[in-house]
N, C-alpha and C. Protein backbone atom coordinates (compact mmCIF):
# COMPACT_ATOMS: atom_id res chain seq x y z
N MET A 1 36.49 -1.78 -55.22
CA MET A 1 37.65 -1.93 -56.07
C MET A 1 37.17 -2.16 -57.50
N SER A 2 37.85 -1.52 -58.43
CA SER A 2 37.47 -1.69 -59.83
C SER A 2 38.08 -2.97 -60.39
N LEU A 3 37.51 -3.41 -61.49
CA LEU A 3 38.02 -4.61 -62.15
C LEU A 3 39.33 -4.30 -62.87
N PRO A 4 40.20 -5.28 -63.02
CA PRO A 4 41.44 -5.06 -63.77
C PRO A 4 41.15 -4.70 -65.22
N ARG A 5 41.99 -3.88 -65.79
CA ARG A 5 41.83 -3.50 -67.19
C ARG A 5 42.07 -4.72 -68.08
N GLN A 6 41.21 -4.90 -69.05
CA GLN A 6 41.36 -6.01 -69.99
C GLN A 6 42.40 -5.64 -71.03
N ILE A 7 43.36 -6.51 -71.23
CA ILE A 7 44.37 -6.33 -72.27
C ILE A 7 43.96 -7.24 -73.43
N ILE A 8 43.44 -6.62 -74.46
CA ILE A 8 42.95 -7.38 -75.62
C ILE A 8 43.93 -7.20 -76.76
N PRO A 9 44.44 -8.29 -77.34
CA PRO A 9 45.37 -8.17 -78.47
C PRO A 9 44.77 -7.34 -79.60
N GLY A 10 45.58 -6.45 -80.14
CA GLY A 10 45.16 -5.60 -81.24
C GLY A 10 44.65 -4.23 -80.83
N ASP A 11 44.49 -3.98 -79.54
CA ASP A 11 44.02 -2.68 -79.08
C ASP A 11 45.11 -1.62 -79.20
N THR A 12 44.68 -0.37 -79.39
CA THR A 12 45.59 0.77 -79.41
C THR A 12 45.40 1.52 -78.09
N TRP A 13 46.52 1.93 -77.50
CA TRP A 13 46.52 2.53 -76.17
C TRP A 13 47.21 3.89 -76.18
N PHE A 14 46.68 4.82 -75.37
CA PHE A 14 47.35 6.07 -75.05
C PHE A 14 47.85 5.92 -73.63
N ILE A 15 49.17 6.00 -73.44
CA ILE A 15 49.79 5.73 -72.15
C ILE A 15 50.49 6.98 -71.65
N THR A 16 50.32 7.30 -70.38
CA THR A 16 51.05 8.37 -69.73
C THR A 16 51.74 7.78 -68.51
N ARG A 17 53.01 8.08 -68.36
CA ARG A 17 53.77 7.60 -67.20
C ARG A 17 54.51 8.78 -66.59
N ARG A 18 54.30 9.00 -65.28
CA ARG A 18 54.89 10.13 -64.59
C ARG A 18 56.10 9.69 -63.78
N CYS A 19 57.09 10.59 -63.67
CA CYS A 19 58.27 10.32 -62.85
C CYS A 19 57.87 10.34 -61.37
N THR A 20 58.67 9.70 -60.55
CA THR A 20 58.40 9.65 -59.13
C THR A 20 58.36 11.05 -58.53
N GLN A 21 57.37 11.30 -57.70
CA GLN A 21 57.19 12.57 -56.99
C GLN A 21 57.16 13.77 -57.93
N ARG A 22 56.79 13.56 -59.18
CA ARG A 22 56.70 14.62 -60.19
C ARG A 22 58.00 15.39 -60.37
N THR A 23 59.10 14.71 -60.19
CA THR A 23 60.40 15.36 -60.34
C THR A 23 60.79 15.43 -61.82
N SER A 24 61.64 16.36 -62.16
CA SER A 24 62.07 16.58 -63.55
C SER A 24 63.25 15.69 -63.90
N LEU A 25 63.02 14.41 -63.97
CA LEU A 25 64.10 13.46 -64.26
C LEU A 25 64.36 13.31 -65.76
N LEU A 26 63.41 13.73 -66.59
CA LEU A 26 63.54 13.56 -68.04
C LEU A 26 63.82 14.90 -68.72
N LYS A 27 64.69 15.70 -68.12
CA LYS A 27 65.01 17.01 -68.68
C LYS A 27 65.59 16.85 -70.08
N PRO A 28 65.32 17.83 -70.96
CA PRO A 28 65.85 17.74 -72.33
C PRO A 28 67.38 17.66 -72.34
N CYS A 29 67.87 16.58 -72.87
CA CYS A 29 69.31 16.33 -72.92
C CYS A 29 69.53 15.32 -74.04
N ALA A 30 70.56 15.53 -74.81
CA ALA A 30 70.81 14.64 -75.96
C ALA A 30 71.00 13.19 -75.51
N ILE A 31 71.69 12.99 -74.41
CA ILE A 31 71.95 11.64 -73.93
C ILE A 31 70.65 10.97 -73.48
N LEU A 32 69.85 11.66 -72.68
CA LEU A 32 68.60 11.07 -72.20
C LEU A 32 67.63 10.80 -73.34
N THR A 33 67.58 11.71 -74.31
CA THR A 33 66.71 11.50 -75.46
C THR A 33 67.12 10.26 -76.23
N ALA A 34 68.42 10.12 -76.47
CA ALA A 34 68.91 8.95 -77.21
C ALA A 34 68.66 7.66 -76.43
N VAL A 35 68.89 7.68 -75.12
CA VAL A 35 68.68 6.48 -74.30
C VAL A 35 67.20 6.12 -74.26
N PHE A 36 66.32 7.11 -74.09
CA PHE A 36 64.89 6.83 -74.05
C PHE A 36 64.42 6.21 -75.35
N MET A 37 64.84 6.79 -76.46
CA MET A 37 64.42 6.25 -77.76
C MET A 37 64.99 4.85 -77.99
N TYR A 38 66.23 4.62 -77.58
CA TYR A 38 66.83 3.29 -77.72
C TYR A 38 66.03 2.27 -76.91
N LEU A 39 65.74 2.59 -75.65
CA LEU A 39 65.00 1.65 -74.79
C LEU A 39 63.60 1.41 -75.33
N LEU A 40 62.97 2.45 -75.83
CA LEU A 40 61.62 2.31 -76.39
C LEU A 40 61.62 1.36 -77.58
N ILE A 41 62.57 1.55 -78.48
CA ILE A 41 62.66 0.68 -79.66
C ILE A 41 63.03 -0.74 -79.27
N TYR A 42 63.98 -0.87 -78.34
CA TYR A 42 64.41 -2.19 -77.87
C TYR A 42 63.22 -2.97 -77.29
N CYS A 43 62.47 -2.34 -76.39
CA CYS A 43 61.34 -3.01 -75.76
C CYS A 43 60.21 -3.27 -76.76
N ALA A 44 59.98 -2.34 -77.67
CA ALA A 44 58.93 -2.52 -78.67
C ALA A 44 59.24 -3.72 -79.56
N LYS A 45 60.50 -3.87 -79.97
CA LYS A 45 60.87 -5.03 -80.78
C LYS A 45 60.75 -6.32 -80.00
N GLN A 46 61.13 -6.27 -78.73
CA GLN A 46 61.11 -7.47 -77.89
C GLN A 46 59.69 -8.00 -77.71
N TYR A 47 58.70 -7.10 -77.60
CA TYR A 47 57.32 -7.51 -77.32
C TYR A 47 56.38 -7.33 -78.51
N GLY A 48 56.88 -6.88 -79.65
CA GLY A 48 56.05 -6.73 -80.83
C GLY A 48 55.08 -5.57 -80.77
N ILE A 49 55.41 -4.55 -80.01
CA ILE A 49 54.54 -3.37 -79.85
C ILE A 49 54.81 -2.40 -81.00
N MET A 50 53.74 -1.84 -81.57
CA MET A 50 53.87 -0.83 -82.62
C MET A 50 53.74 0.56 -82.00
N ILE A 51 54.75 1.40 -82.18
CA ILE A 51 54.76 2.76 -81.63
C ILE A 51 54.22 3.72 -82.68
N HIS A 52 53.21 4.50 -82.32
CA HIS A 52 52.63 5.47 -83.23
C HIS A 52 53.09 6.89 -82.92
N ALA A 53 53.21 7.23 -81.64
CA ALA A 53 53.60 8.58 -81.25
C ALA A 53 54.30 8.55 -79.90
N VAL A 54 55.25 9.46 -79.72
CA VAL A 54 56.01 9.58 -78.47
C VAL A 54 56.14 11.06 -78.14
N CYS A 55 55.92 11.40 -76.89
CA CYS A 55 56.14 12.77 -76.42
C CYS A 55 56.77 12.67 -75.03
N VAL A 56 58.00 13.17 -74.90
CA VAL A 56 58.70 13.11 -73.62
C VAL A 56 58.79 14.51 -73.05
N MET A 57 58.24 14.71 -71.87
CA MET A 57 58.30 15.98 -71.15
C MET A 57 59.29 15.80 -70.00
N SER A 58 59.55 16.84 -69.24
CA SER A 58 60.56 16.73 -68.18
C SER A 58 60.09 15.87 -67.01
N THR A 59 58.77 15.80 -66.76
CA THR A 59 58.27 15.04 -65.62
C THR A 59 57.48 13.79 -66.00
N HIS A 60 57.21 13.58 -67.30
CA HIS A 60 56.40 12.44 -67.71
C HIS A 60 56.59 12.20 -69.21
N TYR A 61 56.02 11.09 -69.66
CA TYR A 61 56.01 10.83 -71.11
C TYR A 61 54.67 10.26 -71.53
N HIS A 62 54.37 10.43 -72.81
CA HIS A 62 53.15 9.91 -73.42
C HIS A 62 53.54 8.98 -74.57
N LEU A 63 52.80 7.90 -74.72
CA LEU A 63 52.97 6.98 -75.83
C LEU A 63 51.61 6.64 -76.43
N VAL A 64 51.58 6.49 -77.74
CA VAL A 64 50.42 5.90 -78.41
C VAL A 64 50.94 4.63 -79.08
N VAL A 65 50.44 3.49 -78.63
CA VAL A 65 50.95 2.20 -79.09
C VAL A 65 49.81 1.26 -79.45
N THR A 66 50.12 0.31 -80.32
CA THR A 66 49.20 -0.80 -80.61
C THR A 66 49.88 -2.08 -80.15
N ASP A 67 49.09 -2.89 -79.45
CA ASP A 67 49.60 -4.13 -78.85
C ASP A 67 48.97 -5.33 -79.55
N PRO A 68 49.62 -5.86 -80.60
CA PRO A 68 49.00 -6.95 -81.36
C PRO A 68 48.96 -8.29 -80.64
N PHE A 69 49.78 -8.49 -79.61
CA PHE A 69 49.87 -9.80 -78.95
C PHE A 69 49.38 -9.80 -77.51
N GLY A 70 48.90 -8.69 -76.99
CA GLY A 70 48.43 -8.63 -75.60
C GLY A 70 49.55 -8.63 -74.58
N LEU A 71 50.70 -8.08 -74.93
CA LEU A 71 51.86 -8.07 -74.04
C LEU A 71 52.17 -6.68 -73.47
N LEU A 72 51.18 -5.79 -73.48
CA LEU A 72 51.41 -4.42 -73.02
C LEU A 72 51.94 -4.33 -71.58
N PRO A 73 51.39 -5.07 -70.61
CA PRO A 73 51.92 -4.97 -69.25
C PRO A 73 53.40 -5.35 -69.15
N ARG A 74 53.81 -6.39 -69.85
CA ARG A 74 55.23 -6.80 -69.83
C ARG A 74 56.10 -5.74 -70.50
N PHE A 75 55.62 -5.17 -71.62
CA PHE A 75 56.35 -4.11 -72.32
C PHE A 75 56.56 -2.91 -71.39
N MET A 76 55.49 -2.47 -70.72
CA MET A 76 55.59 -1.30 -69.85
C MET A 76 56.50 -1.59 -68.64
N GLU A 77 56.39 -2.77 -68.09
CA GLU A 77 57.24 -3.12 -66.95
C GLU A 77 58.71 -3.08 -67.34
N ASN A 78 59.05 -3.68 -68.47
CA ASN A 78 60.44 -3.73 -68.91
C ASN A 78 60.95 -2.33 -69.28
N LEU A 79 60.15 -1.55 -70.01
CA LEU A 79 60.56 -0.20 -70.39
C LEU A 79 60.80 0.66 -69.16
N ASN A 80 59.88 0.66 -68.21
CA ASN A 80 60.02 1.51 -67.02
C ASN A 80 61.16 1.04 -66.13
N LYS A 81 61.37 -0.27 -66.05
CA LYS A 81 62.47 -0.80 -65.24
C LYS A 81 63.82 -0.37 -65.82
N LEU A 82 63.98 -0.55 -67.12
CA LEU A 82 65.25 -0.17 -67.76
C LEU A 82 65.48 1.33 -67.71
N LEU A 83 64.41 2.11 -67.92
CA LEU A 83 64.54 3.56 -67.87
C LEU A 83 64.93 4.03 -66.46
N ALA A 84 64.36 3.43 -65.44
CA ALA A 84 64.71 3.79 -64.05
C ALA A 84 66.17 3.47 -63.75
N LYS A 85 66.65 2.34 -64.24
CA LYS A 85 68.05 1.98 -64.02
C LYS A 85 68.98 2.98 -64.70
N VAL A 86 68.64 3.39 -65.92
CA VAL A 86 69.47 4.37 -66.63
C VAL A 86 69.46 5.72 -65.91
N LEU A 87 68.26 6.15 -65.47
CA LEU A 87 68.19 7.44 -64.79
C LEU A 87 68.92 7.42 -63.46
N ASN A 88 68.90 6.30 -62.77
CA ASN A 88 69.66 6.20 -61.52
C ASN A 88 71.16 6.30 -61.77
N CYS A 89 71.62 5.72 -62.85
CA CYS A 89 73.06 5.81 -63.19
C CYS A 89 73.45 7.20 -63.68
N HIS A 90 72.53 7.85 -64.40
CA HIS A 90 72.82 9.17 -64.96
C HIS A 90 72.85 10.21 -63.86
């Protein structure tokens, strides 16, 4: 088993998150785009994460972020949880 990833305050991260079973849940749609951006900004403000780049594809998304306080795991958990709830409702 590998060691857990160290979360060091101030590090910059490239993050990729895939939808369940590689399904196209993030299809291009004005509503989904607006909701994704809203949730991203909401969570970034809540945890103090700096967003540098965002790319949303139909089956996954990419983020380039800087985590000044070492709260990246909480940020990702909250973002993915809220996004899943929105996609389930949509």
